[in-house]
Every structure is written in C-alpha cells, then in structure tokens.
Amino acid sequence: TRLLAPLDTALWDRRLVDDVFGFYRAF
C-alpha cells in the first residue's frame, strides 16, 4: 500500500487513469 501524490505523473491523464484503473482522479 502506498499513498500517491495528487499530481503524480501516473495520474496526469484522467482518461488513462479511468481506462486502466476505473478510478476518477479528483483534484
């Protein structure tokens, strides 16, 4: 388990995050 930065490069593209993780990147 890790806590990610809100603006981590892995989360830059909201649509990618949704496509891969099914997760809404809220900022």
PDB file of all heavy atoms in Angstrom:
ATOM      1  N   THR A   1       0.844  -1.196   0.000  1.00  0.00           N
ATOM      2  CA  THR A   1       0.000   0.000   0.000  1.00  0.00           C
ATOM      3  C   THR A   1       0.881   1.248   0.000  1.00  0.00           C
ATOM      4  O   THR A   1       1.807   1.366   0.804  1.00  0.00           O
ATOM      5  CB  THR A   1      -0.923   0.020   1.225  1.00  0.00           C
ATOM      6  OG1 THR A   1      -1.669  -1.198   1.270  1.00  0.00           O
ATOM      7  CG2 THR A   1      -1.890   1.189   1.155  1.00  0.00           C
ATOM      8  N   ARG A   2       0.580   2.168  -0.902  1.00  0.00           N
ATOM      9  CA  ARG A   2       1.322   3.439  -0.991  1.00  0.00           C
ATOM     10  C   ARG A   2       0.326   4.577  -1.145  1.00  0.00           C
ATOM     11  O   ARG A   2      -0.738   4.408  -1.748  1.00  0.00           O
ATOM     12  CB  ARG A   2       2.259   3.467  -2.202  1.00  0.00           C
ATOM     13  CG  ARG A   2       3.162   2.265  -2.378  1.00  0.00           C
ATOM     14  CD  ARG A   2       3.931   2.384  -3.681  1.00  0.00           C
ATOM     15  NE  ARG A   2       4.512   1.109  -4.053  1.00  0.00           N
ATOM     16  CZ  ARG A   2       5.785   0.916  -4.350  1.00  0.00           C
ATOM     17  NH1 ARG A   2       6.617   1.927  -4.318  1.00  0.00           N
ATOM     18  NH2 ARG A   2       6.237  -0.274  -4.696  1.00  0.00           N
ATOM     19  N   LEU A   3       0.694   5.734  -0.651  1.00  0.00           N
ATOM     20  CA  LEU A   3      -0.059   6.959  -0.903  1.00  0.00           C
ATOM     21  C   LEU A   3       0.608   7.684  -2.059  1.00  0.00           C
ATOM     22  O   LEU A   3       1.823   7.909  -2.048  1.00  0.00           O
ATOM     23  CB  LEU A   3      -0.070   7.851   0.340  1.00  0.00           C
ATOM     24  CG  LEU A   3      -0.746   7.259   1.573  1.00  0.00           C
ATOM     25  CD1 LEU A   3      -0.617   8.219   2.761  1.00  0.00           C
ATOM     26  CD2 LEU A   3      -2.207   6.952   1.306  1.00  0.00           C
ATOM     27  N   LEU A   4      -0.171   8.032  -3.074  1.00  0.00           N
ATOM     28  CA  LEU A   4       0.371   8.701  -4.257  1.00  0.00           C
ATOM     29  C   LEU A   4       0.177  10.204  -4.153  1.00  0.00           C
ATOM     30  O   LEU A   4      -0.771  10.692  -3.530  1.00  0.00           O
ATOM     31  CB  LEU A   4      -0.309   8.187  -5.522  1.00  0.00           C
ATOM     32  CG  LEU A   4      -0.190   6.692  -5.822  1.00  0.00           C
ATOM     33  CD1 LEU A   4      -0.767   6.410  -7.199  1.00  0.00           C
ATOM     34  CD2 LEU A   4       1.249   6.213  -5.732  1.00  0.00           C
ATOM     35  N   ALA A   5       1.067  10.932  -4.787  1.00  0.00           N
ATOM     36  CA  ALA A   5       0.924  12.382  -4.859  1.00  0.00           C
ATOM     37  C   ALA A   5      -0.292  12.735  -5.704  1.00  0.00           C
ATOM     38  O   ALA A   5      -0.580  12.069  -6.705  1.00  0.00           O
ATOM     39  CB  ALA A   5       2.183  12.991  -5.468  1.00  0.00           C
ATOM     40  N   PRO A   6      -1.025  13.777  -5.339  1.00  0.00           N
ATOM     41  CA  PRO A   6      -2.200  14.161  -6.140  1.00  0.00           C
ATOM     42  C   PRO A   6      -1.859  14.479  -7.585  1.00  0.00           C
ATOM     43  O   PRO A   6      -2.691  14.309  -8.475  1.00  0.00           O
ATOM     44  CB  PRO A   6      -2.734  15.400  -5.408  1.00  0.00           C
ATOM     45  CG  PRO A   6      -2.193  15.295  -4.027  1.00  0.00           C
ATOM     46  CD  PRO A   6      -0.859  14.621  -4.151  1.00  0.00           C
ATOM     47  N   LEU A   7      -0.628  14.960  -7.837  1.00  0.00           N
ATOM     48  CA  LEU A   7      -0.205  15.334  -9.187  1.00  0.00           C
ATOM     49  C   LEU A   7       0.901  14.413  -9.694  1.00  0.00           C
ATOM     50  O   LEU A   7       1.740  14.813 -10.494  1.00  0.00           O
ATOM     51  CB  LEU A   7       0.267  16.797  -9.189  1.00  0.00           C
ATOM     52  CG  LEU A   7      -0.794  17.811  -8.730  1.00  0.00           C
ATOM     53  CD1 LEU A   7      -0.194  19.200  -8.617  1.00  0.00           C
ATOM     54  CD2 LEU A   7      -1.984  17.818  -9.669  1.00  0.00           C
ATOM     55  N   ASP A   8       0.883  13.164  -9.237  1.00  0.00           N
ATOM     56  CA  ASP A   8       1.858  12.182  -9.686  1.00  0.00           C
ATOM     57  C   ASP A   8       1.763  12.004 -11.195  1.00  0.00           C
ATOM     58  O   ASP A   8       0.678  12.061 -11.782  1.00  0.00           O
ATOM     59  CB  ASP A   8       1.594  10.843  -8.988  1.00  0.00           C
ATOM     60  CG  ASP A   8       2.774   9.893  -9.061  1.00  0.00           C
ATOM     61  OD1 ASP A   8       3.029   9.381 -10.172  1.00  0.00           O
ATOM     62  OD2 ASP A   8       3.426   9.647  -8.043  1.00  0.00           O
ATOM     63  N   THR A   9       2.917  11.770 -11.846  1.00  0.00           N
ATOM     64  CA  THR A   9       2.902  11.579 -13.298  1.00  0.00           C
ATOM     65  C   THR A   9       2.005  10.411 -13.709  1.00  0.00           C
ATOM     66  O   THR A   9       1.427  10.428 -14.802  1.00  0.00           O
ATOM     67  CB  THR A   9       4.323  11.334 -13.828  1.00  0.00           C
ATOM     68  OG1 THR A   9       4.924  10.270 -13.090  1.00  0.00           O
ATOM     69  CG2 THR A   9       5.180  12.568 -13.708  1.00  0.00           C
ATOM     70  N   ALA A  10       1.869   9.393 -12.851  1.00  0.00           N
ATOM     71  CA  ALA A  10       0.997   8.261 -13.170  1.00  0.00           C
ATOM     72  C   ALA A  10      -0.461   8.684 -13.275  1.00  0.00           C
ATOM     73  O   ALA A  10      -1.286   7.953 -13.842  1.00  0.00           O
ATOM     74  CB  ALA A  10       1.144   7.168 -12.109  1.00  0.00           C
ATOM     75  N   LEU A  11      -0.802   9.874 -12.765  1.00  0.00           N
ATOM     76  CA  LEU A  11      -2.187  10.344 -12.728  1.00  0.00           C
ATOM     77  C   LEU A  11      -2.425  11.549 -13.626  1.00  0.00           C
ATOM     78  O   LEU A  11      -3.509  12.126 -13.603  1.00  0.00           O
ATOM     79  CB  LEU A  11      -2.573  10.710 -11.286  1.00  0.00           C
ATOM     80  CG  LEU A  11      -2.327   9.648 -10.217  1.00  0.00           C
ATOM     81  CD1 LEU A  11      -2.614  10.223  -8.835  1.00  0.00           C
ATOM     82  CD2 LEU A  11      -3.182   8.416 -10.466  1.00  0.00           C
ATOM     83  N   TRP A  12      -1.426  11.927 -14.421  1.00  0.00           N
ATOM     84  CA  TRP A  12      -1.567  13.136 -15.229  1.00  0.00           C
ATOM     85  C   TRP A  12      -2.769  13.088 -16.167  1.00  0.00           C
ATOM     86  O   TRP A  12      -3.438  14.088 -16.366  1.00  0.00           O
ATOM     87  CB  TRP A  12      -0.303  13.336 -16.065  1.00  0.00           C
ATOM     88  CG  TRP A  12       0.745  14.140 -15.372  1.00  0.00           C
ATOM     89  CD1 TRP A  12       0.700  14.660 -14.109  1.00  0.00           C
ATOM     90  CD2 TRP A  12       2.012  14.526 -15.916  1.00  0.00           C
ATOM     91  NE1 TRP A  12       1.859  15.333 -13.827  1.00  0.00           N
ATOM     92  CE2 TRP A  12       2.688  15.274 -14.914  1.00  0.00           C
ATOM     93  CE3 TRP A  12       2.643  14.296 -17.130  1.00  0.00           C
ATOM     94  CZ2 TRP A  12       3.957  15.814 -15.121  1.00  0.00           C
ATOM     95  CZ3 TRP A  12       3.913  14.828 -17.336  1.00  0.00           C
ATOM     96  CH2 TRP A  12       4.556  15.580 -16.336  1.00  0.00           C
ATOM     97  N   ASP A  13      -3.028  11.943 -16.752  1.00  0.00           N
ATOM     98  CA  ASP A  13      -4.079  11.812 -17.765  1.00  0.00           C
ATOM     99  C   ASP A  13      -5.298  11.152 -17.125  1.00  0.00           C
ATOM    100  O   ASP A  13      -5.325   9.949 -16.891  1.00  0.00           O
ATOM    101  CB  ASP A  13      -3.561  10.974 -18.937  1.00  0.00           C
ATOM    102  CG  ASP A  13      -4.529  10.948 -20.114  1.00  0.00           C
ATOM    103  OD1 ASP A  13      -5.735  11.202 -19.915  1.00  0.00           O
ATOM    104  OD2 ASP A  13      -4.083  10.658 -21.235  1.00  0.00           O
ATOM    105  N   ARG A  14      -6.320  11.953 -16.826  1.00  0.00           N
ATOM    106  CA  ARG A  14      -7.508  11.424 -16.146  1.00  0.00           C
ATOM    107  C   ARG A  14      -8.159  10.286 -16.927  1.00  0.00           C
ATOM    108  O   ARG A  14      -8.646   9.319 -16.349  1.00  0.00           O
ATOM    109  CB  ARG A  14      -8.533  12.541 -15.932  1.00  0.00           C
ATOM    110  CG  ARG A  14      -8.184  13.520 -14.826  1.00  0.00           C
ATOM    111  CD  ARG A  14      -9.309  14.525 -14.643  1.00  0.00           C
ATOM    112  NE  ARG A  14      -9.109  15.360 -13.478  1.00  0.00           N
ATOM    113  CZ  ARG A  14      -8.435  16.517 -13.484  1.00  0.00           C
ATOM    114  NH1 ARG A  14      -7.917  16.949 -14.617  1.00  0.00           N
ATOM    115  NH2 ARG A  14      -8.308  17.231 -12.379  1.00  0.00           N
ATOM    116  N   ARG A  15      -8.193  10.427 -18.248  1.00  0.00           N
ATOM    117  CA  ARG A  15      -8.859   9.397 -19.047  1.00  0.00           C
ATOM    118  C   ARG A  15      -8.080   8.090 -19.014  1.00  0.00           C
ATOM    119  O   ARG A  15      -8.665   7.006 -18.968  1.00  0.00           O
ATOM    120  CB  ARG A  15      -9.030   9.882 -20.488  1.00  0.00           C
ATOM    121  CG  ARG A  15      -9.861   8.933 -21.332  1.00  0.00           C
ATOM    122  CD  ARG A  15     -10.225   9.554 -22.658  1.00  0.00           C
ATOM    123  NE  ARG A  15     -10.782   8.585 -23.574  1.00  0.00           N
ATOM    124  CZ  ARG A  15     -11.049   8.830 -24.847  1.00  0.00           C
ATOM    125  NH1 ARG A  15     -10.819  10.031 -25.343  1.00  0.00           N
ATOM    126  NH2 ARG A  15     -11.544   7.888 -25.624  1.00  0.00           N
ATOM    127  N   LEU A  16      -6.759   8.167 -19.046  1.00  0.00           N
ATOM    128  CA  LEU A  16      -5.945   6.962 -18.909  1.00  0.00           C
ATOM    129  C   LEU A  16      -6.196   6.294 -17.562  1.00  0.00           C
ATOM    130  O   LEU A  16      -6.348   5.072 -17.479  1.00  0.00           O
ATOM    131  CB  LEU A  16      -4.462   7.316 -19.047  1.00  0.00           C
ATOM    132  CG  LEU A  16      -3.462   6.206 -18.689  1.00  0.00           C
ATOM    133  CD1 LEU A  16      -3.572   5.041 -19.662  1.00  0.00           C
ATOM    134  CD2 LEU A  16      -2.039   6.756 -18.661  1.00  0.00           C
ATOM    135  N   VAL A  17      -6.239   7.079 -16.494  1.00  0.00           N
ATOM    136  CA  VAL A  17      -6.478   6.534 -15.155  1.00  0.00           C
ATOM    137  C   VAL A  17      -7.831   5.838 -15.100  1.00  0.00           C
ATOM    138  O   VAL A  17      -7.975   4.766 -14.502  1.00  0.00           O
ATOM    139  CB  VAL A  17      -6.380   7.654 -14.098  1.00  0.00           C
ATOM    140  CG1 VAL A  17      -6.776   7.138 -12.719  1.00  0.00           C
ATOM    141  CG2 VAL A  17      -4.961   8.217 -14.052  1.00  0.00           C
ATOM    142  N   ASP A  18      -8.819   6.416 -15.759  1.00  0.00           N
ATOM    143  CA  ASP A  18     -10.138   5.782 -15.802  1.00  0.00           C
ATOM    144  C   ASP A  18     -10.102   4.501 -16.631  1.00  0.00           C
ATOM    145  O   ASP A  18     -10.648   3.462 -16.234  1.00  0.00           O
ATOM    146  CB  ASP A  18     -11.161   6.756 -16.379  1.00  0.00           C
ATOM    147  CG  ASP A  18     -12.577   6.192 -16.384  1.00  0.00           C
ATOM    148  OD1 ASP A  18     -12.983   5.576 -15.377  1.00  0.00           O
ATOM    149  OD2 ASP A  18     -13.264   6.341 -17.406  1.00  0.00           O
ATOM    150  N   ASP A  19      -9.431   4.550 -17.803  1.00  0.00           N
ATOM    151  CA  ASP A  19      -9.366   3.366 -18.666  1.00  0.00           C
ATOM    152  C   ASP A  19      -8.624   2.204 -18.009  1.00  0.00           C
ATOM    153  O   ASP A  19      -9.001   1.041 -18.169  1.00  0.00           O
ATOM    154  CB  ASP A  19      -8.665   3.715 -19.994  1.00  0.00           C
ATOM    155  CG  ASP A  19      -9.568   4.437 -20.976  1.00  0.00           C
ATOM    156  OD1 ASP A  19     -10.795   4.473 -20.748  1.00  0.00           O
ATOM    157  OD2 ASP A  19      -9.050   4.966 -21.978  1.00  0.00           O
ATOM    158  N   VAL A  20      -7.566   2.509 -17.267  1.00  0.00           N
ATOM    159  CA  VAL A  20      -6.711   1.454 -16.718  1.00  0.00           C
ATOM    160  C   VAL A  20      -7.176   1.007 -15.328  1.00  0.00           C
ATOM    161  O   VAL A  20      -7.222  -0.185 -15.038  1.00  0.00           O
ATOM    162  CB  VAL A  20      -5.240   1.930 -16.661  1.00  0.00           C
ATOM    163  CG1 VAL A  20      -4.366   0.911 -15.942  1.00  0.00           C
ATOM    164  CG2 VAL A  20      -4.713   2.162 -18.076  1.00  0.00           C
ATOM    165  N   PHE A  21      -7.537   1.976 -14.479  1.00  0.00           N
ATOM    166  CA  PHE A  21      -7.872   1.655 -13.094  1.00  0.00           C
ATOM    167  C   PHE A  21      -9.363   1.766 -12.774  1.00  0.00           C
ATOM    168  O   PHE A  21      -9.786   1.347 -11.693  1.00  0.00           O
ATOM    169  CB  PHE A  21      -7.112   2.584 -12.139  1.00  0.00           C
ATOM    170  CG  PHE A  21      -5.621   2.426 -12.167  1.00  0.00           C
ATOM    171  CD1 PHE A  21      -4.825   3.293 -12.900  1.00  0.00           C
ATOM    172  CD2 PHE A  21      -5.004   1.408 -11.463  1.00  0.00           C
ATOM    173  CE1 PHE A  21      -3.445   3.160 -12.928  1.00  0.00           C
ATOM    174  CE2 PHE A  21      -3.625   1.259 -11.483  1.00  0.00           C
ATOM    175  CZ  PHE A  21      -2.854   2.142 -12.221  1.00  0.00           C
ATOM    176  N   GLY A  22     -10.144   2.365 -13.677  1.00  0.00           N
ATOM    177  CA  GLY A  22     -11.539   2.618 -13.346  1.00  0.00           C
ATOM    178  C   GLY A  22     -11.661   3.566 -12.172  1.00  0.00           C
ATOM    179  O   GLY A  22     -12.547   3.432 -11.325  1.00  0.00           O
ATOM    180  N   PHE A  23     -10.789   4.585 -12.116  1.00  0.00           N
ATOM    181  CA  PHE A  23     -10.663   5.464 -10.956  1.00  0.00           C
ATOM    182  C   PHE A  23     -10.778   6.907 -11.422  1.00  0.00           C
ATOM    183  O   PHE A  23     -10.163   7.308 -12.409  1.00  0.00           O
ATOM    184  CB  PHE A  23      -9.302   5.220 -10.302  1.00  0.00           C
ATOM    185  CG  PHE A  23      -9.051   5.972  -9.022  1.00  0.00           C
ATOM    186  CD1 PHE A  23      -9.500   5.477  -7.809  1.00  0.00           C
ATOM    187  CD2 PHE A  23      -8.332   7.160  -9.028  1.00  0.00           C
ATOM    188  CE1 PHE A  23      -9.240   6.157  -6.627  1.00  0.00           C
ATOM    189  CE2 PHE A  23      -8.065   7.850  -7.850  1.00  0.00           C
ATOM    190  CZ  PHE A  23      -8.523   7.334  -6.644  1.00  0.00           C
ATOM    191  N   TYR A  24     -11.579   7.690 -10.709  1.00  0.00           N
ATOM    192  CA  TYR A  24     -11.726   9.114 -11.032  1.00  0.00           C
ATOM    193  C   TYR A  24     -10.661   9.899 -10.274  1.00  0.00           C
ATOM    194  O   TYR A  24     -10.639   9.898  -9.047  1.00  0.00           O
ATOM    195  CB  TYR A  24     -13.121   9.612 -10.652  1.00  0.00           C
ATOM    196  CG  TYR A  24     -13.265  11.109 -10.727  1.00  0.00           C
ATOM    197  CD1 TYR A  24     -13.160  11.782 -11.953  1.00  0.00           C
ATOM    198  CD2 TYR A  24     -13.501  11.867  -9.573  1.00  0.00           C
ATOM    199  CE1 TYR A  24     -13.288  13.162 -12.020  1.00  0.00           C
ATOM    200  CE2 TYR A  24     -13.637  13.237  -9.634  1.00  0.00           C
ATOM    201  CZ  TYR A  24     -13.533  13.882 -10.859  1.00  0.00           C
ATOM    202  OH  TYR A  24     -13.649  15.250 -10.932  1.00  0.00           O
ATOM    203  N   ARG A  25      -9.774  10.549 -11.015  1.00  0.00           N
ATOM    204  CA  ARG A  25      -8.715  11.323 -10.385  1.00  0.00           C
ATOM    205  C   ARG A  25      -9.259  12.680  -9.976  1.00  0.00           C
ATOM    206  O   ARG A  25      -9.408  13.593 -10.769  1.00  0.00           O
ATOM    207  CB  ARG A  25      -7.538  11.517 -11.337  1.00  0.00           C
ATOM    208  CG  ARG A  25      -6.261  11.935 -10.617  1.00  0.00           C
ATOM    209  CD  ARG A  25      -5.379  12.795 -11.488  1.00  0.00           C
ATOM    210  NE  ARG A  25      -5.796  14.199 -11.437  1.00  0.00           N
ATOM    211  CZ  ARG A  25      -5.134  15.207 -12.002  1.00  0.00           C
ATOM    212  NH1 ARG A  25      -4.054  14.950 -12.688  1.00  0.00           N
ATOM    213  NH2 ARG A  25      -5.560  16.433 -11.904  1.00  0.00           N
ATOM    214  N   ALA A  26      -9.599  12.791  -8.685  1.00  0.00           N
ATOM    215  CA  ALA A  26     -10.178  14.024  -8.165  1.00  0.00           C
ATOM    216  C   ALA A  26      -9.068  14.964  -7.706  1.00  0.00           C
ATOM    217  O   ALA A  26      -8.179  14.562  -6.961  1.00  0.00           O
ATOM    218  CB  ALA A  26     -11.114  13.710  -7.000  1.00  0.00           C
ATOM    219  N   PHE A  27      -9.119  16.208  -8.156  1.00  0.00           N
ATOM    220  CA  PHE A  27      -8.216  17.241  -7.665  1.00  0.00           C
ATOM    221  C   PHE A  27      -9.080  18.455  -7.379  1.00  0.00           C
ATOM    222  O   PHE A  27      -9.469  19.187  -8.286  1.00  0.00           O
ATOM    223  CB  PHE A  27      -7.129  17.546  -8.698  1.00  0.00           C
ATOM    224  CG  PHE A  27      -6.058  18.467  -8.179  1.00  0.00           C
ATOM    225  CD1 PHE A  27      -5.226  18.075  -7.147  1.00  0.00           C
ATOM    226  CD2 PHE A  27      -5.877  19.732  -8.730  1.00  0.00           C
ATOM    227  CE1 PHE A  27      -4.238  18.912  -6.657  1.00  0.00           C
ATOM    228  CE2 PHE A  27      -4.886  20.579  -8.260  1.00  0.00           C
ATOM    229  CZ  PHE A  27      -4.066  20.170  -7.220  1.00  0.00           C
TER     230      PHE A  27
END
